[in-house]
Amino acid sequence: MLVWMVAAGLVILCGAVLARALTGAGTLPATEGAGPGDVLGAGKDLAVYRAQLDGIGRDLERGVIDETEAGRLRVEIAQRILAADRARRAGSAGGGAPGGTAMRVAVVALVLALVASLGLYRTLGA
């Protein structure tokens, strides 16, 4: 009887690992190297770009850059802000972990593995 409980526990454990992997619940957010196209780094990028816009104003006041250079930098940073915002919105609208479909695939795979193992046991085992 103990053997069957251990076997059932292993099947449940494998099914849980499979379900977690298929639904993306075990993935960690990428924090390093996130660019404007990365959904997870888009929020940080927006903050950095806003700080850069503030820095342009300070550099202009100090005379480090002229007005044309400041305008060019503002346009470039504004384009990056728009790209990061689009990536963030696309990620919140349709991104994230796949939901019901992946969970159904995990359940079907678990049931198929259980049925296959019982069939093999019946044929080769007892």
C-alpha atoms as a PDB file:
ATOM      1  CA  MET A   1       0.000   0.000   0.000  1.00  0.00           C
ATOM      2  CA  LEU A   2       2.890   2.366   0.770  1.00  0.00           C
ATOM      3  CA  VAL A   3       4.263   1.874  -2.734  1.00  0.00           C
ATOM      4  CA  TRP A   4       0.963   3.055  -4.232  1.00  0.00           C
ATOM      5  CA  MET A   5       0.885   6.146  -2.022  1.00  0.00           C
ATOM      6  CA  VAL A   6       4.431   7.045  -3.050  1.00  0.00           C
ATOM      7  CA  ALA A   7       3.564   6.496  -6.712  1.00  0.00           C
ATOM      8  CA  ALA A   8       0.426   8.642  -6.412  1.00  0.00           C
ATOM      9  CA  GLY A   9       2.445  11.365  -4.690  1.00  0.00           C
ATOM     10  CA  LEU A  10       4.989  11.346  -7.500  1.00  0.00           C
ATOM     11  CA  VAL A  11       2.249  11.613 -10.126  1.00  0.00           C
ATOM     12  CA  ILE A  12       0.707  14.573  -8.308  1.00  0.00           C
ATOM     13  CA  LEU A  13       4.102  16.233  -7.881  1.00  0.00           C
ATOM     14  CA  CYS A  14       4.950  15.810 -11.568  1.00  0.00           C
ATOM     15  CA  GLY A  15       1.540  17.146 -12.548  1.00  0.00           C
ATOM     16  CA  ALA A  16       1.994  20.200 -10.347  1.00  0.00           C
ATOM     17  CA  VAL A  17       5.423  20.915 -11.850  1.00  0.00           C
ATOM     18  CA  LEU A  18       4.017  20.495 -15.345  1.00  0.00           C
ATOM     19  CA  ALA A  19       1.066  22.781 -14.635  1.00  0.00           C
ATOM     20  CA  ARG A  20       3.319  25.428 -13.114  1.00  0.00           C
ATOM     21  CA  ALA A  21       5.647  25.340 -16.112  1.00  0.00           C
ATOM     22  CA  LEU A  22       2.823  25.502 -18.653  1.00  0.00           C
ATOM     23  CA  THR A  23       1.025  28.380 -16.976  1.00  0.00           C
ATOM     24  CA  GLY A  24       4.190  30.424 -16.508  1.00  0.00           C
ATOM     25  CA  ALA A  25       3.601  30.773 -12.772  1.00  0.00           C
ATOM     26  CA  GLY A  26       7.211  29.922 -11.954  1.00  0.00           C
ATOM     27  CA  THR A  27       8.851  32.506 -14.203  1.00  0.00           C
ATOM     28  CA  LEU A  28      10.804  35.315 -12.646  1.00  0.00           C
ATOM     29  CA  PRO A  29      10.622  38.853 -13.996  1.00  0.00           C
ATOM     30  CA  ALA A  30      13.683  39.940 -15.895  1.00  0.00           C
ATOM     31  CA  THR A  31      15.182  43.001 -14.279  1.00  0.00           C
ATOM     32  CA  GLU A  32      18.574  43.336 -15.925  1.00  0.00           C
ATOM     33  CA  GLY A  33      18.929  44.345 -19.518  1.00  0.00           C
ATOM     34  CA  ALA A  34      15.277  45.215 -19.952  1.00  0.00           C
ATOM     35  CA  GLY A  35      14.869  47.524 -22.900  1.00  0.00           C
ATOM     36  CA  PRO A  36      11.969  49.504 -24.272  1.00  0.00           C
ATOM     37  CA  GLY A  37      10.630  46.431 -26.079  1.00  0.00           C
ATOM     38  CA  ASP A  38      10.564  44.285 -22.957  1.00  0.00           C
ATOM     39  CA  VAL A  39       7.193  44.203 -21.264  1.00  0.00           C
ATOM     40  CA  LEU A  40       8.588  43.676 -17.790  1.00  0.00           C
ATOM     41  CA  GLY A  41      11.119  46.509 -18.065  1.00  0.00           C
ATOM     42  CA  ALA A  42       8.793  49.036 -19.682  1.00  0.00           C
ATOM     43  CA  GLY A  43       7.697  50.612 -16.386  1.00  0.00           C
ATOM     44  CA  LYS A  44      11.291  51.173 -15.293  1.00  0.00           C
ATOM     45  CA  ASP A  45      12.174  52.526 -18.715  1.00  0.00           C
ATOM     46  CA  LEU A  46       9.415  55.133 -18.501  1.00  0.00           C
ATOM     47  CA  ALA A  47      10.833  56.411 -15.221  1.00  0.00           C
ATOM     48  CA  VAL A  48      14.356  56.570 -16.664  1.00  0.00           C
ATOM     49  CA  TYR A  49      13.203  58.432 -19.771  1.00  0.00           C
ATOM     50  CA  ARG A  50      11.269  60.952 -17.687  1.00  0.00           C
ATOM     51  CA  ALA A  51      14.388  61.555 -15.606  1.00  0.00           C
ATOM     52  CA  GLN A  52      16.365  62.052 -18.806  1.00  0.00           C
ATOM     53  CA  LEU A  53      13.855  64.662 -19.958  1.00  0.00           C
ATOM     54  CA  ASP A  54      14.356  66.509 -16.676  1.00  0.00           C
ATOM     55  CA  GLY A  55      18.106  66.258 -17.149  1.00  0.00           C
ATOM     56  CA  ILE A  56      17.879  67.873 -20.577  1.00  0.00           C
ATOM     57  CA  GLY A  57      16.248  70.928 -19.026  1.00  0.00           C
ATOM     58  CA  ARG A  58      18.990  71.175 -16.394  1.00  0.00           C
ATOM     59  CA  ASP A  59      21.744  70.759 -18.997  1.00  0.00           C
ATOM     60  CA  LEU A  60      20.152  73.464 -21.128  1.00  0.00           C
ATOM     61  CA  GLU A  61      20.026  75.870 -18.168  1.00  0.00           C
ATOM     62  CA  ARG A  62      23.690  75.215 -17.357  1.00  0.00           C
ATOM     63  CA  GLY A  63      24.675  75.764 -20.980  1.00  0.00           C
ATOM     64  CA  VAL A  64      26.048  72.268 -21.522  1.00  0.00           C
ATOM     65  CA  ILE A  65      23.859  71.777 -24.612  1.00  0.00           C
ATOM     66  CA  ASP A  66      22.257  74.281 -26.975  1.00  0.00           C
ATOM     67  CA  GLU A  67      18.562  74.618 -27.859  1.00  0.00           C
ATOM     68  CA  THR A  68      18.712  72.562 -31.075  1.00  0.00           C
ATOM     69  CA  GLU A  69      20.491  69.692 -29.350  1.00  0.00           C
ATOM     70  CA  ALA A  70      17.969  69.821 -26.498  1.00  0.00           C
ATOM     71  CA  GLY A  71      15.087  69.671 -28.989  1.00  0.00           C
ATOM     72  CA  ARG A  72      16.625  66.705 -30.785  1.00  0.00           C
ATOM     73  CA  LEU A  73      17.164  64.867 -27.487  1.00  0.00           C
ATOM     74  CA  ARG A  74      13.593  65.590 -26.362  1.00  0.00           C
ATOM     75  CA  VAL A  75      12.216  64.136 -29.592  1.00  0.00           C
ATOM     76  CA  GLU A  76      14.393  61.026 -29.294  1.00  0.00           C
ATOM     77  CA  ILE A  77      13.429  60.447 -25.647  1.00  0.00           C
ATOM     78  CA  ALA A  78       9.758  61.088 -26.422  1.00  0.00           C
ATOM     79  CA  GLN A  79       9.904  58.365 -29.095  1.00  0.00           C
ATOM     80  CA  ARG A  80      11.427  55.970 -26.567  1.00  0.00           C
ATOM     81  CA  ILE A  81       8.734  56.865 -24.033  1.00  0.00           C
ATOM     82  CA  LEU A  82       6.033  56.111 -26.592  1.00  0.00           C
ATOM     83  CA  ALA A  83       7.641  52.757 -27.484  1.00  0.00           C
ATOM     84  CA  ALA A  84       7.983  51.784 -23.822  1.00  0.00           C
ATOM     85  CA  ASP A  85       4.397  52.808 -23.118  1.00  0.00           C
ATOM     86  CA  ARG A  86       3.157  50.750 -26.076  1.00  0.00           C
ATOM     87  CA  ALA A  87       5.112  47.742 -24.807  1.00  0.00           C
ATOM     88  CA  ARG A  88       3.688  48.215 -21.311  1.00  0.00           C
ATOM     89  CA  ARG A  89       0.129  48.494 -22.611  1.00  0.00           C
ATOM     90  CA  ALA A  90       0.531  45.475 -24.884  1.00  0.00           C
ATOM     91  CA  GLY A  91       1.868  43.493 -21.946  1.00  0.00           C
ATOM     92  CA  SER A  92      -0.991  44.444 -19.654  1.00  0.00           C
ATOM     93  CA  ALA A  93      -3.630  43.850 -22.322  1.00  0.00           C
ATOM     94  CA  GLY A  94      -2.598  40.475 -23.668  1.00  0.00           C
ATOM     95  CA  GLY A  95       0.529  39.481 -21.837  1.00  0.00           C
ATOM     96  CA  GLY A  96       1.131  37.594 -18.689  1.00  0.00           C
ATOM     97  CA  ALA A  97       0.853  33.933 -18.088  1.00  0.00           C
ATOM     98  CA  PRO A  98      -1.312  31.935 -20.416  1.00  0.00           C
ATOM     99  CA  GLY A  99      -4.458  31.049 -18.560  1.00  0.00           C
ATOM    100  CA  GLY A 100      -7.075  28.418 -19.173  1.00  0.00           C
ATOM    101  CA  THR A 101      -5.641  26.794 -22.300  1.00  0.00           C
ATOM    102  CA  ALA A 102      -2.306  25.981 -20.697  1.00  0.00           C
ATOM    103  CA  MET A 103      -4.027  24.646 -17.597  1.00  0.00           C
ATOM    104  CA  ARG A 104      -6.242  22.404 -19.721  1.00  0.00           C
ATOM    105  CA  VAL A 105      -3.171  21.104 -21.546  1.00  0.00           C
ATOM    106  CA  ALA A 106      -1.515  20.373 -18.194  1.00  0.00           C
ATOM    107  CA  VAL A 107      -4.559  18.487 -16.898  1.00  0.00           C
ATOM    108  CA  VAL A 108      -4.890  16.461 -20.117  1.00  0.00           C
ATOM    109  CA  ALA A 109      -1.164  15.642 -20.036  1.00  0.00           C
ATOM    110  CA  LEU A 110      -1.442  14.545 -16.412  1.00  0.00           C
ATOM    111  CA  VAL A 111      -4.438  12.326 -17.133  1.00  0.00           C
ATOM    112  CA  LEU A 112      -2.736  10.819 -20.200  1.00  0.00           C
ATOM    113  CA  ALA A 113       0.414  10.111 -18.185  1.00  0.00           C
ATOM    114  CA  LEU A 114      -1.661   8.450 -15.474  1.00  0.00           C
ATOM    115  CA  VAL A 115      -3.612   6.317 -17.958  1.00  0.00           C
ATOM    116  CA  ALA A 116      -0.447   5.357 -19.835  1.00  0.00           C
ATOM    117  CA  SER A 117       1.347   4.353 -16.650  1.00  0.00           C
ATOM    118  CA  LEU A 118      -1.620   2.253 -15.487  1.00  0.00           C
ATOM    119  CA  GLY A 119      -1.782   0.586 -18.910  1.00  0.00           C
ATOM    120  CA  LEU A 120       1.903  -0.212 -18.832  1.00  0.00           C
ATOM    121  CA  TYR A 121       1.627  -1.577 -15.325  1.00  0.00           C
ATOM    122  CA  ARG A 122      -1.283  -3.777 -16.303  1.00  0.00           C
ATOM    123  CA  THR A 123       0.602  -5.101 -19.342  1.00  0.00           C
ATOM    124  CA  LEU A 124       4.109  -5.440 -17.914  1.00  0.00           C
ATOM    125  CA  GLY A 125       3.600  -5.408 -14.159  1.00  0.00           C
ATOM    126  CA  ALA A 126       1.435  -7.612 -11.986  1.00  0.00           C
END
